Amino acid sequence: MLTKKEFKIIDTAFDAGFTDNVGTALRNLFVLGCYLHATGKTLEGKKAIRSALMTTTIYERTDNLFDKIFSNLAGNEKDFAQEIHAHSELLGLLK
């Protein structure tokens, strides 16, 4: 599982160099990816999460965090989504 510090790195990366609207859109895409993954659309979910993360510089700054996200995603989608500050309507999908 990821630590609070690692989740903070991810959440902060969605703000780095973006307007508020873009950061929010990236968070929402990440959470939708978690939802898709949790509902059996694993490939689609990983694609959405990867797209959100690749838009940031997270993969350049943290060598194994990118891999750690995907190796710990299964069964933890709700926890991952709750650590990312997306819209509450989207977070509600995973309740």
C-alpha atoms as a PDB file:
ATOM      1  CA  MET A   1       0.000   0.000   0.000  1.00  0.00           C
ATOM      2  CA  LEU A   2       1.107   3.555  -0.575  1.00  0.00           C
ATOM      3  CA  THR A   3       1.985   5.833   2.327  1.00  0.00           C
ATOM      4  CA  LYS A   4       0.284   9.146   3.094  1.00  0.00           C
ATOM      5  CA  LYS A   5       3.448  10.871   1.860  1.00  0.00           C
ATOM      6  CA  GLU A   6       3.259   9.028  -1.470  1.00  0.00           C
ATOM      7  CA  PHE A   7      -0.404   9.931  -1.899  1.00  0.00           C
ATOM      8  CA  LYS A   8       0.493  13.555  -1.158  1.00  0.00           C
ATOM      9  CA  ILE A   9       3.137  13.429  -3.920  1.00  0.00           C
ATOM     10  CA  ILE A  10       0.495  12.192  -6.360  1.00  0.00           C
ATOM     11  CA  ASP A  11      -2.136  14.718  -5.301  1.00  0.00           C
ATOM     12  CA  THR A  12       0.361  17.586  -5.443  1.00  0.00           C
ATOM     13  CA  ALA A  13       1.555  16.506  -8.896  1.00  0.00           C
ATOM     14  CA  PHE A  14      -1.940  17.160 -10.237  1.00  0.00           C
ATOM     15  CA  ASP A  15      -1.508  20.837  -9.300  1.00  0.00           C
ATOM     16  CA  ALA A  16       2.061  21.373 -10.515  1.00  0.00           C
ATOM     17  CA  GLY A  17       2.048  23.801 -13.425  1.00  0.00           C
ATOM     18  CA  PHE A  18      -1.671  23.447 -14.133  1.00  0.00           C
ATOM     19  CA  THR A  19      -4.692  25.664 -13.629  1.00  0.00           C
ATOM     20  CA  ASP A  20      -7.187  24.572 -10.986  1.00  0.00           C
ATOM     21  CA  ASN A  21      -9.515  23.206 -13.654  1.00  0.00           C
ATOM     22  CA  VAL A  22      -6.834  21.002 -15.196  1.00  0.00           C
ATOM     23  CA  GLY A  23      -5.710  19.708 -11.803  1.00  0.00           C
ATOM     24  CA  THR A  24      -9.306  18.862 -10.937  1.00  0.00           C
ATOM     25  CA  ALA A  25      -9.829  17.130 -14.276  1.00  0.00           C
ATOM     26  CA  LEU A  26      -6.720  14.999 -13.712  1.00  0.00           C
ATOM     27  CA  ARG A  27      -7.885  14.041 -10.227  1.00  0.00           C
ATOM     28  CA  ASN A  28     -11.309  13.141 -11.601  1.00  0.00           C
ATOM     29  CA  LEU A  29      -9.709  11.015 -14.336  1.00  0.00           C
ATOM     30  CA  PHE A  30      -7.588   9.214 -11.724  1.00  0.00           C
ATOM     31  CA  VAL A  31     -10.664   8.475  -9.600  1.00  0.00           C
ATOM     32  CA  LEU A  32     -12.671   7.322 -12.622  1.00  0.00           C
ATOM     33  CA  GLY A  33      -9.801   4.990 -13.393  1.00  0.00           C
ATOM     34  CA  CYS A  34     -10.038   3.578  -9.877  1.00  0.00           C
ATOM     35  CA  TYR A  35     -13.774   3.094 -10.367  1.00  0.00           C
ATOM     36  CA  LEU A  36     -13.347   1.335 -13.701  1.00  0.00           C
ATOM     37  CA  HIS A  37     -10.684  -0.923 -12.238  1.00  0.00           C
ATOM     38  CA  ALA A  38     -12.851  -1.785  -9.232  1.00  0.00           C
ATOM     39  CA  THR A  39     -15.799  -2.698 -11.472  1.00  0.00           C
ATOM     40  CA  GLY A  40     -13.815  -5.160 -13.553  1.00  0.00           C
ATOM     41  CA  LYS A  41     -12.695  -2.844 -16.343  1.00  0.00           C
ATOM     42  CA  THR A  42      -9.080  -3.243 -15.279  1.00  0.00           C
ATOM     43  CA  LEU A  43      -7.413  -2.351 -18.565  1.00  0.00           C
ATOM     44  CA  GLU A  44      -9.602   0.717 -19.019  1.00  0.00           C
ATOM     45  CA  GLY A  45      -9.067   1.759 -15.417  1.00  0.00           C
ATOM     46  CA  LYS A  46      -5.303   1.472 -15.645  1.00  0.00           C
ATOM     47  CA  LYS A  47      -5.356   3.442 -18.901  1.00  0.00           C
ATOM     48  CA  ALA A  48      -7.291   6.290 -17.249  1.00  0.00           C
ATOM     49  CA  ILE A  49      -4.989   6.354 -14.218  1.00  0.00           C
ATOM     50  CA  ARG A  50      -1.883   6.161 -16.407  1.00  0.00           C
ATOM     51  CA  SER A  51      -3.188   9.023 -18.584  1.00  0.00           C
ATOM     52  CA  ALA A  52      -3.760  11.220 -15.541  1.00  0.00           C
ATOM     53  CA  LEU A  53      -0.318  10.454 -14.111  1.00  0.00           C
ATOM     54  CA  MET A  54       1.562  10.766 -17.415  1.00  0.00           C
ATOM     55  CA  THR A  55       0.236  14.313 -17.779  1.00  0.00           C
ATOM     56  CA  THR A  56       2.245  15.201 -14.676  1.00  0.00           C
ATOM     57  CA  THR A  57       5.945  14.846 -14.013  1.00  0.00           C
ATOM     58  CA  ILE A  58       5.396  12.179 -11.360  1.00  0.00           C
ATOM     59  CA  TYR A  59       6.949   9.405 -13.443  1.00  0.00           C
ATOM     60  CA  GLU A  60      10.099  11.508 -13.880  1.00  0.00           C
ATOM     61  CA  ARG A  61      10.489  12.388 -10.193  1.00  0.00           C
ATOM     62  CA  THR A  62       9.660   9.133  -8.477  1.00  0.00           C
ATOM     63  CA  ASP A  63      11.154   6.052 -10.056  1.00  0.00           C
ATOM     64  CA  ASN A  64       9.145   3.331  -8.405  1.00  0.00           C
ATOM     65  CA  LEU A  65       6.034   5.230  -7.245  1.00  0.00           C
ATOM     66  CA  PHE A  66       4.465   4.831 -10.687  1.00  0.00           C
ATOM     67  CA  ASP A  67       4.964   1.049 -10.527  1.00  0.00           C
ATOM     68  CA  LYS A  68       3.913   0.907  -6.880  1.00  0.00           C
ATOM     69  CA  ILE A  69       0.561   2.471  -7.733  1.00  0.00           C
ATOM     70  CA  PHE A  70      -0.293  -0.272 -10.210  1.00  0.00           C
ATOM     71  CA  SER A  71       1.081  -3.144  -8.156  1.00  0.00           C
ATOM     72  CA  ASN A  72      -1.098  -2.104  -5.195  1.00  0.00           C
ATOM     73  CA  LEU A  73      -4.231  -0.975  -7.032  1.00  0.00           C
ATOM     74  CA  ALA A  74      -6.239  -4.228  -6.996  1.00  0.00           C
ATOM     75  CA  GLY A  75      -8.513  -4.293  -3.962  1.00  0.00           C
ATOM     76  CA  ASN A  76      -7.424  -0.811  -2.888  1.00  0.00           C
ATOM     77  CA  GLU A  77      -9.227   1.278  -5.501  1.00  0.00           C
ATOM     78  CA  LYS A  78     -11.517   2.942  -2.955  1.00  0.00           C
ATOM     79  CA  ASP A  79      -8.593   3.826  -0.677  1.00  0.00           C
ATOM     80  CA  PHE A  80      -6.605   5.225  -3.603  1.00  0.00           C
ATOM     81  CA  ALA A  81      -9.534   7.334  -4.778  1.00  0.00           C
ATOM     82  CA  GLN A  82     -10.195   8.748  -1.320  1.00  0.00           C
ATOM     83  CA  GLU A  83      -6.615  10.004  -1.046  1.00  0.00           C
ATOM     84  CA  ILE A  84      -6.978  12.062  -4.233  1.00  0.00           C
ATOM     85  CA  HIS A  85      -9.060  15.192  -3.830  1.00  0.00           C
ATOM     86  CA  ALA A  86     -11.506  14.745  -6.700  1.00  0.00           C
ATOM     87  CA  HIS A  87     -15.147  15.787  -6.876  1.00  0.00           C
ATOM     88  CA  SER A  88     -17.270  14.156  -4.195  1.00  0.00           C
ATOM     89  CA  GLU A  89     -19.758  12.897  -6.793  1.00  0.00           C
ATOM     90  CA  LEU A  90     -17.027  10.789  -8.359  1.00  0.00           C
ATOM     91  CA  LEU A  91     -15.658   9.624  -5.025  1.00  0.00           C
ATOM     92  CA  GLY A  92     -19.185   8.458  -4.221  1.00  0.00           C
ATOM     93  CA  LEU A  93     -19.029   5.930  -7.040  1.00  0.00           C
ATOM     94  CA  LEU A  94     -16.688   3.773  -4.977  1.00  0.00           C
ATOM     95  CA  LYS A  95     -18.763   3.661  -1.781  1.00  0.00           C
END
